[in-house]
PDB file of N, CA and C in Angstrom:
ATOM      1  N   MET A   1     -30.819 -84.118 -74.428  1.00  0.00           N
ATOM      2  CA  MET A   1     -31.141 -84.268 -75.910  1.00  0.00           C
ATOM      3  C   MET A   1     -31.386 -82.878 -76.467  1.00  0.00           C
ATOM      4  N   MET A   2     -32.288 -82.208 -75.838  1.00  0.00           N
ATOM      5  CA  MET A   2     -32.755 -81.019 -76.358  1.00  0.00           C
ATOM      6  C   MET A   2     -31.632 -79.917 -76.400  1.00  0.00           C
ATOM      7  N   ARG A   3     -30.736 -80.078 -75.426  1.00  0.00           N
ATOM      8  CA  ARG A   3     -29.648 -79.058 -75.281  1.00  0.00           C
ATOM      9  C   ARG A   3     -28.777 -79.242 -76.447  1.00  0.00           C
ATOM     10  N   ARG A   4     -28.497 -80.656 -76.832  1.00  0.00           N
ATOM     11  CA  ARG A   4     -27.521 -80.941 -77.850  1.00  0.00           C
ATOM     12  C   ARG A   4     -28.024 -80.427 -79.258  1.00  0.00           C
ATOM     13  N   ARG A   5     -29.424 -80.627 -79.528  1.00  0.00           N
ATOM     14  CA  ARG A   5     -30.090 -80.130 -80.669  1.00  0.00           C
ATOM     15  C   ARG A   5     -30.013 -78.690 -80.837  1.00  0.00           C
ATOM     16  N   THR A   6     -30.174 -77.970 -79.718  1.00  0.00           N
ATOM     17  CA  THR A   6     -30.033 -76.531 -79.705  1.00  0.00           C
ATOM     18  C   THR A   6     -28.642 -76.086 -80.089  1.00  0.00           C
ATOM     19  N   LEU A   7     -27.629 -76.689 -79.436  1.00  0.00           N
ATOM     20  CA  LEU A   7     -26.245 -76.296 -79.630  1.00  0.00           C
ATOM     21  C   LEU A   7     -25.932 -76.705 -81.273  1.00  0.00           C
ATOM     22  N   TRP A   8     -26.407 -77.715 -81.720  1.00  0.00           N
ATOM     23  CA  TRP A   8     -26.225 -78.040 -83.324  1.00  0.00           C
ATOM     24  C   TRP A   8     -26.920 -76.986 -84.089  1.00  0.00           C
ATOM     25  N   LEU A   9     -28.077 -76.431 -83.669  1.00  0.00           N
ATOM     26  CA  LEU A   9     -28.908 -75.460 -84.441  1.00  0.00           C
ATOM     27  C   LEU A   9     -28.093 -74.180 -84.600  1.00  0.00           C
ATOM     28  N   PHE A  10     -27.567 -73.849 -83.369  1.00  0.00           N
ATOM     29  CA  PHE A  10     -26.839 -72.583 -83.329  1.00  0.00           C
ATOM     30  C   PHE A  10     -25.463 -72.636 -84.193  1.00  0.00           C
ATOM     31  N   PHE A  11     -24.858 -73.907 -84.072  1.00  0.00           N
ATOM     32  CA  PHE A  11     -23.612 -74.057 -84.794  1.00  0.00           C
ATOM     33  C   PHE A  11     -23.854 -73.958 -86.380  1.00  0.00           C
ATOM     34  N   ALA A  12     -24.987 -74.484 -86.663  1.00  0.00           N
ATOM     35  CA  ALA A  12     -25.369 -74.575 -88.256  1.00  0.00           C
ATOM     36  C   ALA A  12     -25.687 -73.225 -88.596  1.00  0.00           C
ATOM     37  N   ILE A  13     -26.441 -72.290 -87.759  1.00  0.00           N
ATOM     38  CA  ILE A  13     -26.783 -71.085 -88.120  1.00  0.00           C
ATOM     39  C   ILE A  13     -25.546 -70.199 -88.305  1.00  0.00           C
ATOM     40  N   GLY A  14     -24.425 -70.404 -87.329  1.00  0.00           N
ATOM     41  CA  GLY A  14     -23.204 -69.675 -87.388  1.00  0.00           C
ATOM     42  C   GLY A  14     -22.455 -70.074 -88.614  1.00  0.00           C
ATOM     43  N   ILE A  15     -22.462 -71.193 -89.025  1.00  0.00           N
ATOM     44  CA  ILE A  15     -21.704 -71.750 -90.218  1.00  0.00           C
ATOM     45  C   ILE A  15     -22.476 -70.885 -91.561  1.00  0.00           C
ATOM     46  N   VAL A  16     -23.637 -70.931 -91.499  1.00  0.00           N
ATOM     47  CA  VAL A  16     -24.465 -70.407 -92.645  1.00  0.00           C
ATOM     48  C   VAL A  16     -23.994 -68.942 -92.740  1.00  0.00           C
ATOM     49  N   THR A  17     -24.281 -68.241 -91.500  1.00  0.00           N
ATOM     50  CA  THR A  17     -24.104 -66.741 -91.389  1.00  0.00           C
ATOM     51  C   THR A  17     -22.603 -66.411 -91.908  1.00  0.00           C
ATOM     52  N   ILE A  18     -21.423 -67.141 -91.441  1.00  0.00           N
ATOM     53  CA  ILE A  18     -20.164 -67.038 -91.828  1.00  0.00           C
ATOM     54  C   ILE A  18     -19.960 -67.112 -93.376  1.00  0.00           C
ATOM     55  N   GLY A  19     -20.565 -68.283 -93.734  1.00  0.00           N
ATOM     56  CA  GLY A  19     -20.411 -68.574 -95.241  1.00  0.00           C
ATOM     57  C   GLY A  19     -21.125 -67.309 -96.155  1.00  0.00           C
ATOM     58  N   PHE A  20     -22.109 -66.883 -95.710  1.00  0.00           N
ATOM     59  CA  PHE A  20     -22.746 -65.783 -96.490  1.00  0.00           C
ATOM     60  C   PHE A  20     -22.036 -64.573 -96.422  1.00  0.00           C
ATOM     61  N   TYR A  21     -21.348 -64.292 -95.245  1.00  0.00           N
ATOM     62  CA  TYR A  21     -20.575 -63.178 -95.067  1.00  0.00           C
ATOM     63  C   TYR A  21     -19.355 -63.296 -95.986  1.00  0.00           C
ATOM     64  N   LEU A  22     -18.708 -64.291 -95.943  1.00  0.00           N
ATOM     65  CA  LEU A  22     -17.497 -64.603 -96.793  1.00  0.00           C
ATOM     66  C   LEU A  22     -17.872 -64.824 -98.206  1.00  0.00           C
ATOM     67  N   TRP A  23     -18.789 -65.484 -98.652  1.00  0.00           N
ATOM     68  CA  TRP A  23     -18.999 -65.660-100.088  1.00  0.00           C
ATOM     69  C   TRP A  23     -20.267 -65.155-100.558  1.00  0.00           C
ATOM     70  N   GLY A  24     -20.959 -64.376 -99.875  1.00  0.00           N
ATOM     71  CA  GLY A  24     -22.215 -63.855-100.275  1.00  0.00           C
ATOM     72  C   GLY A  24     -22.101 -62.729-101.161  1.00  0.00           C
ATOM     73  N   SER A  25     -23.170 -61.818-101.179  1.00  0.00           N
ATOM     74  CA  SER A  25     -23.192 -60.743-102.115  1.00  0.00           C
ATOM     75  C   SER A  25     -22.114 -59.676-101.696  1.00  0.00           C
ATOM     76  N   SER A  26     -21.431 -59.278-102.669  1.00  0.00           N
ATOM     77  CA  SER A  26     -20.274 -58.351-102.399  1.00  0.00           C
ATOM     78  C   SER A  26     -20.530 -57.013-103.366  1.00  0.00           C
ATOM     79  N   SER A  27     -21.836 -56.721-103.294  1.00  0.00           N
ATOM     80  CA  SER A  27     -22.177 -55.532-104.149  1.00  0.00           C
ATOM     81  C   SER A  27     -21.962 -54.313-103.383  1.00  0.00           C
ATOM     82  N   THR A  28     -21.808 -53.141-104.037  1.00  0.00           N
ATOM     83  CA  THR A  28     -21.798 -51.941-103.471  1.00  0.00           C
ATOM     84  C   THR A  28     -22.856 -50.884-103.774  1.00  0.00           C
ATOM     85  N   PRO A  29     -22.977 -49.930-102.959  1.00  0.00           N
ATOM     86  CA  PRO A  29     -24.065 -48.989-103.254  1.00  0.00           C
ATOM     87  C   PRO A  29     -23.908 -48.336-104.522  1.00  0.00           C
ATOM     88  N   PRO A  30     -25.044 -47.698-105.112  1.00  0.00           N
ATOM     89  CA  PRO A  30     -24.825 -47.147-106.497  1.00  0.00           C
ATOM     90  C   PRO A  30     -23.927 -45.851-106.274  1.00  0.00           C
ATOM     91  N   GLY A  31     -23.224 -45.672-107.114  1.00  0.00           N
ATOM     92  CA  GLY A  31     -22.192 -44.460-107.217  1.00  0.00           C
ATOM     93  C   GLY A  31     -20.858 -44.851-106.498  1.00  0.00           C
ATOM     94  N   GLN A  32     -20.649 -46.027-105.724  1.00  0.00           N
ATOM     95  CA  GLN A  32     -19.403 -46.297-105.114  1.00  0.00           C
ATOM     96  C   GLN A  32     -18.683 -47.258-106.106  1.00  0.00           C
ATOM     97  N   PRO A  33     -17.376 -47.276-106.241  1.00  0.00           N
ATOM     98  CA  PRO A  33     -16.672 -48.107-107.135  1.00  0.00           C
ATOM     99  C   PRO A  33     -16.739 -49.648-106.525  1.00  0.00           C
ATOM    100  N   PRO A  34     -16.838 -50.704-107.318  1.00  0.00           N
ATOM    101  CA  PRO A  34     -16.922 -52.013-106.777  1.00  0.00           C
ATOM    102  C   PRO A  34     -15.773 -52.410-106.020  1.00  0.00           C
ATOM    103  N   LEU A  35     -16.007 -53.437-105.000  1.00  0.00           N
ATOM    104  CA  LEU A  35     -14.914 -53.878-104.113  1.00  0.00           C
ATOM    105  C   LEU A  35     -13.718 -54.602-105.013  1.00  0.00           C
ATOM    106  N   VAL A  36     -12.597 -54.399-104.498  1.00  0.00           N
ATOM    107  CA  VAL A  36     -11.439 -55.028-105.262  1.00  0.00           C
ATOM    108  C   VAL A  36     -10.484 -55.757-104.190  1.00  0.00           C
ATOM    109  N   SER A  37     -10.075 -56.965-104.529  1.00  0.00           N
ATOM    110  CA  SER A  37      -9.110 -57.593-103.819  1.00  0.00           C
ATOM    111  C   SER A  37      -7.705 -57.205-104.233  1.00  0.00           C
ATOM    112  N   LEU A  38      -6.852 -56.857-103.300  1.00  0.00           N
ATOM    113  CA  LEU A  38      -5.421 -56.417-103.613  1.00  0.00           C
ATOM    114  C   LEU A  38      -4.635 -57.439-103.974  1.00  0.00           C
ATOM    115  N   SER A  39      -3.808 -57.248-104.932  1.00  0.00           N
ATOM    116  CA  SER A  39      -2.816 -58.232-105.443  1.00  0.00           C
ATOM    117  C   SER A  39      -1.431 -57.439-105.775  1.00  0.00           C
ATOM    118  N   GLU A  40      -0.489 -58.123-106.057  1.00  0.00           N
ATOM    119  CA  GLU A  40       0.803 -57.462-106.567  1.00  0.00           C
ATOM    120  C   GLU A  40       0.600 -56.631-107.845  1.00  0.00           C
ATOM    121  N   ALA A  41      -0.382 -57.109-108.586  1.00  0.00           N
ATOM    122  CA  ALA A  41      -0.630 -56.488-109.789  1.00  0.00           C
ATOM    123  C   ALA A  41      -1.384 -55.348-109.852  1.00  0.00           C
ATOM    124  N   ASN A  42      -2.052 -55.042-108.654  1.00  0.00           N
ATOM    125  CA  ASN A  42      -3.132 -53.815-108.680  1.00  0.00           C
ATOM    126  C   ASN A  42      -2.593 -52.831-107.475  1.00  0.00           C
ATOM    127  N   VAL A  43      -1.491 -53.057-106.835  1.00  0.00           N
ATOM    128  CA  VAL A  43      -1.084 -52.220-105.666  1.00  0.00           C
ATOM    129  C   VAL A  43      -0.865 -50.786-106.115  1.00  0.00           C
ATOM    130  N   SER A  44      -0.182 -50.504-107.203  1.00  0.00           N
ATOM    131  CA  SER A  44       0.082 -49.183-107.764  1.00  0.00           C
ATOM    132  C   SER A  44      -1.240 -48.518-108.198  1.00  0.00           C
ATOM    133  N   GLN A  45      -2.093 -49.410-108.610  1.00  0.00           N
ATOM    134  CA  GLN A  45      -3.400 -48.691-108.905  1.00  0.00           C
ATOM    135  C   GLN A  45      -4.165 -48.187-107.746  1.00  0.00           C
ATOM    136  N   PHE A  46      -4.079 -48.979-106.645  1.00  0.00           N
ATOM    137  CA  PHE A  46      -4.585 -48.639-105.433  1.00  0.00           C
ATOM    138  C   PHE A  46      -4.044 -47.383-104.846  1.00  0.00           C
ATOM    139  N   ARG A  47      -2.671 -47.442-104.877  1.00  0.00           N
ATOM    140  CA  ARG A  47      -1.892 -46.209-104.055  1.00  0.00           C
ATOM    141  C   ARG A  47      -2.259 -45.107-104.984  1.00  0.00           C
ATOM    142  N   GLN A  48      -2.369 -45.077-106.279  1.00  0.00           N
ATOM    143  CA  GLN A  48      -2.697 -43.704-106.981  1.00  0.00           C
ATOM    144  C   GLN A  48      -4.019 -43.365-106.654  1.00  0.00           C
ATOM    145  N   SER A  49      -5.103 -44.120-106.539  1.00  0.00           N
ATOM    146  CA  SER A  49      -6.532 -43.739-106.383  1.00  0.00           C
ATOM    147  C   SER A  49      -6.664 -43.465-104.980  1.00  0.00           C
ATOM    148  N   PHE A  50      -5.821 -44.029-104.025  1.00  0.00           N
ATOM    149  CA  PHE A  50      -5.922 -43.682-102.522  1.00  0.00           C
ATOM    150  C   PHE A  50      -5.295 -42.248-102.236  1.00  0.00           C
ATOM    151  N   ASN A  51      -4.140 -41.910-102.889  1.00  0.00           N
ATOM    152  CA  ASN A  51      -3.547 -40.644-102.906  1.00  0.00           C
ATOM    153  C   ASN A  51      -4.253 -39.511-103.516  1.00  0.00           C
ATOM    154  N   ALA A  52      -5.054 -39.966-104.571  1.00  0.00           N
ATOM    155  CA  ALA A  52      -5.807 -38.904-105.342  1.00  0.00           C
ATOM    156  C   ALA A  52      -6.998 -38.323-104.464  1.00  0.00           C
ATOM    157  N   ALA A  53      -7.613 -39.200-103.566  1.00  0.00           N
ATOM    158  CA  ALA A  53      -8.602 -38.595-102.688  1.00  0.00           C
ATOM    159  C   ALA A  53      -8.204 -38.151-101.337  1.00  0.00           C
ATOM    160  N   ILE A  54      -7.356 -37.112-101.453  1.00  0.00           N
ATOM    161  CA  ILE A  54      -6.806 -36.657-100.220  1.00  0.00           C
ATOM    162  C   ILE A  54      -7.718 -35.837 -99.520  1.00  0.00           C
ATOM    163  N   SER A  55      -8.806 -35.129-100.181  1.00  0.00           N
ATOM    164  CA  SER A  55      -9.721 -34.330 -99.472  1.00  0.00           C
ATOM    165  C   SER A  55     -10.973 -35.106 -98.909  1.00  0.00           C
ATOM    166  N   ASN A  56     -10.968 -36.395 -99.156  1.00  0.00           N
ATOM    167  CA  ASN A  56     -12.082 -37.348 -98.831  1.00  0.00           C
ATOM    168  C   ASN A  56     -11.519 -38.208 -97.540  1.00  0.00           C
ATOM    169  N   THR A  57     -12.545 -38.738 -96.858  1.00  0.00           N
ATOM    170  CA  THR A  57     -12.164 -39.705 -95.797  1.00  0.00           C
ATOM    171  C   THR A  57     -11.775 -40.967 -96.345  1.00  0.00           C
ATOM    172  N   ARG A  58     -10.703 -41.682 -95.958  1.00  0.00           N
ATOM    173  CA  ARG A  58     -10.278 -42.894 -96.553  1.00  0.00           C
ATOM    174  C   ARG A  58     -10.094 -43.905 -95.503  1.00  0.00           C
ATOM    175  N   ILE A  59     -10.634 -45.033 -95.810  1.00  0.00           N
ATOM    176  CA  ILE A  59     -10.421 -46.259 -94.834  1.00  0.00           C
ATOM    177  C   ILE A  59      -9.970 -47.440 -95.490  1.00  0.00           C
ATOM    178  N   VAL A  60      -8.975 -48.051 -95.100  1.00  0.00           N
ATOM    179  CA  VAL A  60      -8.392 -49.296 -95.531  1.00  0.00           C
ATOM    180  C   VAL A  60      -8.653 -50.328 -94.553  1.00  0.00           C
ATOM    181  N   LEU A  61      -9.434 -51.393 -95.091  1.00  0.00           N
ATOM    182  CA  LEU A  61      -9.476 -52.630 -94.140  1.00  0.00           C
ATOM    183  C   LEU A  61      -8.776 -53.809 -94.697  1.00  0.00           C
ATOM    184  N   LEU A  62      -7.885 -54.327 -93.937  1.00  0.00           N
ATOM    185  CA  LEU A  62      -7.037 -55.447 -94.389  1.00  0.00           C
ATOM    186  C   LEU A  62      -7.570 -56.584 -93.413  1.00  0.00           C
ATOM    187  N   LEU A  63      -7.798 -57.675 -93.969  1.00  0.00           N
ATOM    188  CA  LEU A  63      -8.371 -58.937 -93.419  1.00  0.00           C
ATOM    189  C   LEU A  63      -7.381 -59.975 -93.838  1.00  0.00           C
ATOM    190  N   SER A  64      -6.990 -60.654 -92.814  1.00  0.00           N
ATOM    191  CA  SER A  64      -6.065 -61.858 -92.905  1.00  0.00           C
ATOM    192  C   SER A  64      -6.565 -63.242 -92.551  1.00  0.00           C
ATOM    193  N   PRO A  65      -6.401 -64.303 -93.122  1.00  0.00           N
ATOM    194  CA  PRO A  65      -7.016 -65.492 -92.728  1.00  0.00           C
ATOM    195  C   PRO A  65      -6.383 -66.153 -91.536  1.00  0.00           C
ATOM    196  N   THR A  66      -5.223 -65.509 -91.129  1.00  0.00           N
ATOM    197  CA  THR A  66      -4.477 -66.009 -90.039  1.00  0.00           C
ATOM    198  C   THR A  66      -4.600 -65.284 -88.668  1.00  0.00           C
TER     199      THR A  66
END
């Protein structure tokens, strides 16, 4: 019985952690532009700003739900 309760506790903690990660605070540090979700409407703006920062380190993180 105790083992089952412990497993449910870890499961609940995991769900809350994943939920906070996905829907929690998405603020950025001062001086950094806000986070943006790419769409067909803003890809050209992303490409322009990405190419303009040629002297800086650039990282693109693409996440897919599949």
